[in-house]
Protein backbone atom coordinates (compact mmCIF):
# COMPACT_ATOMS: atom_id res chain seq x y z
CA MET A 1 0.00 -0.01 -0.01
CA THR A 2 1.34 3.41 -0.92
CA LYS A 3 0.86 6.58 1.02
CA SER A 4 -1.72 7.88 -1.49
CA GLU A 5 -3.64 4.57 -1.23
CA LEU A 6 -3.62 4.90 2.54
CA ILE A 7 -5.04 8.44 2.27
CA LEU A 8 -7.77 7.29 -0.12
CA ARG A 9 -8.67 4.37 2.15
CA LEU A 10 -8.84 6.62 5.23
CA ALA A 11 -11.12 9.04 3.35
CA GLU A 12 -13.33 6.14 2.15
CA LEU A 13 -13.70 4.71 5.64
CA ASN A 14 -14.46 8.15 7.11
CA PRO A 15 -16.91 9.87 4.76
CA HIS A 16 -17.12 12.88 7.10
CA LEU A 17 -13.47 13.67 6.26
CA TYR A 18 -12.39 15.52 3.12
CA GLN A 19 -9.53 13.85 1.30
CA SER A 20 -7.36 16.86 2.12
CA HIS A 21 -8.03 16.27 5.85
CA ALA A 22 -7.15 12.60 5.50
CA GLU A 23 -3.92 13.60 3.82
CA GLN A 24 -3.09 16.02 6.68
CA ILE A 25 -3.72 13.24 9.23
CA VAL A 26 -1.41 10.79 7.44
CA ASP A 27 1.26 13.44 6.92
CA THR A 28 1.10 14.45 10.60
CA VAL A 29 1.44 10.84 11.81
CA PHE A 30 4.45 10.23 9.55
CA GLU A 31 6.04 13.56 10.51
CA GLU A 32 5.69 12.88 14.25
CA ILE A 33 7.23 9.41 13.84
CA THR A 34 10.10 10.96 11.89
CA LYS A 35 10.68 13.72 14.49
CA ALA A 36 10.82 11.14 17.29
CA LEU A 37 13.30 8.95 15.42
CA VAL A 38 15.55 11.97 14.72
CA VAL A 39 16.03 12.42 18.46
CA ASP A 40 16.50 8.65 19.02
CA ALA A 41 13.07 8.22 20.63
CA ARG A 42 11.15 4.98 20.20
CA VAL A 43 7.60 5.09 18.74
CA GLU A 44 5.29 2.27 19.74
CA LEU A 45 1.90 1.69 18.16
CA ARG A 46 0.32 -1.03 20.32
CA GLY A 47 -0.80 -4.03 18.37
CA PHE A 48 1.05 -2.82 15.28
CA GLY A 49 4.73 -2.47 16.12
CA ALA A 50 7.53 -0.18 17.19
CA PHE A 51 9.85 2.13 15.27
CA SER A 52 13.34 2.83 16.58
CA VAL A 53 16.79 3.80 15.34
CA LYS A 54 19.74 1.43 15.15
CA GLN A 55 23.37 2.45 14.83
CA ARG A 56 25.44 0.70 12.18
CA LYS A 57 29.20 0.71 12.69
CA ALA A 58 31.64 1.83 10.02
CA ARG A 59 32.86 -1.02 7.87
CA THR A 60 34.63 -1.98 4.71
CA GLY A 61 32.24 -2.77 1.91
CA ARG A 62 32.58 -3.68 -1.75
CA ASN A 63 31.53 -1.78 -4.84
CA PRO A 64 29.20 -4.30 -6.56
CA ARG A 65 30.29 -3.11 -10.05
CA THR A 66 34.02 -3.19 -9.64
CA GLY A 67 34.49 -5.43 -6.58
CA GLU A 68 36.81 -2.78 -5.14
CA SER A 69 36.84 -2.26 -1.34
CA VAL A 70 35.26 0.97 -0.15
CA HIS A 71 34.89 2.50 3.30
CA VAL A 72 31.31 2.79 4.55
CA ASN A 73 30.83 5.34 7.34
CA ASN A 74 28.81 4.60 10.46
CA LYS A 75 25.15 5.55 10.12
CA ARG A 76 21.79 5.52 11.86
CA VAL A 77 18.99 3.52 10.20
CA PRO A 78 15.29 3.22 11.01
CA PHE A 79 14.20 -0.15 12.37
CA PHE A 80 10.68 -1.60 12.71
CA LYS A 81 9.75 -4.45 15.02
CA ILE A 82 6.32 -5.95 14.39
CA GLY A 83 3.91 -6.12 17.32
CA LYS A 84 2.58 -9.38 18.70
CA LYS A 85 -1.01 -8.85 17.54
CA MET A 86 0.09 -7.89 14.01
CA HIS A 87 2.35 -10.91 13.88
CA GLU A 88 -0.50 -13.16 14.92
CA ARG A 89 -2.89 -11.64 12.37
CA LEU A 90 -0.32 -12.03 9.56
CA ASN A 91 0.29 -15.64 10.47
CA GLY A 92 -3.36 -16.56 11.05
CA ILE A 93 -2.98 -17.24 14.75
CA ALA A 94 -6.15 -16.78 16.81
CA PRO A 95 -5.97 -15.11 20.28
CA ASN A 96 -6.20 -18.60 21.86
CA GLY A 97 -2.91 -19.53 20.15
CA LYS A 98 -4.46 -21.83 17.58
CA THR A 99 -3.99 -21.45 13.89
CA ASP A 100 -6.92 -19.58 12.39
CA ILE A 101 -7.30 -21.01 8.88
CA LYS A 102 -9.26 -18.69 6.62
CA ASN A 103 -9.28 -18.66 2.81
């Protein structure tokens, strides 16, 4: 699902919202998550998952075209850990722990 598809779906499910308002809502949520990650805060959406930042150390990599060694600086990267409820829904596991087989 793309951001524009998310906005359209939000507007469809909430007919009292104009599409421009749905777009503002989605933009605001993404902006707040981004702001939190910039300052190394963790963002948890219960039942969905958690966003955080991981630090990757500097290393020696390889240029895939030439095979030559190149230095890769340390960097911060966003990380997402799926929540338990989302994991269960994706894998068809019912709240009682049994596999929920639906076609």
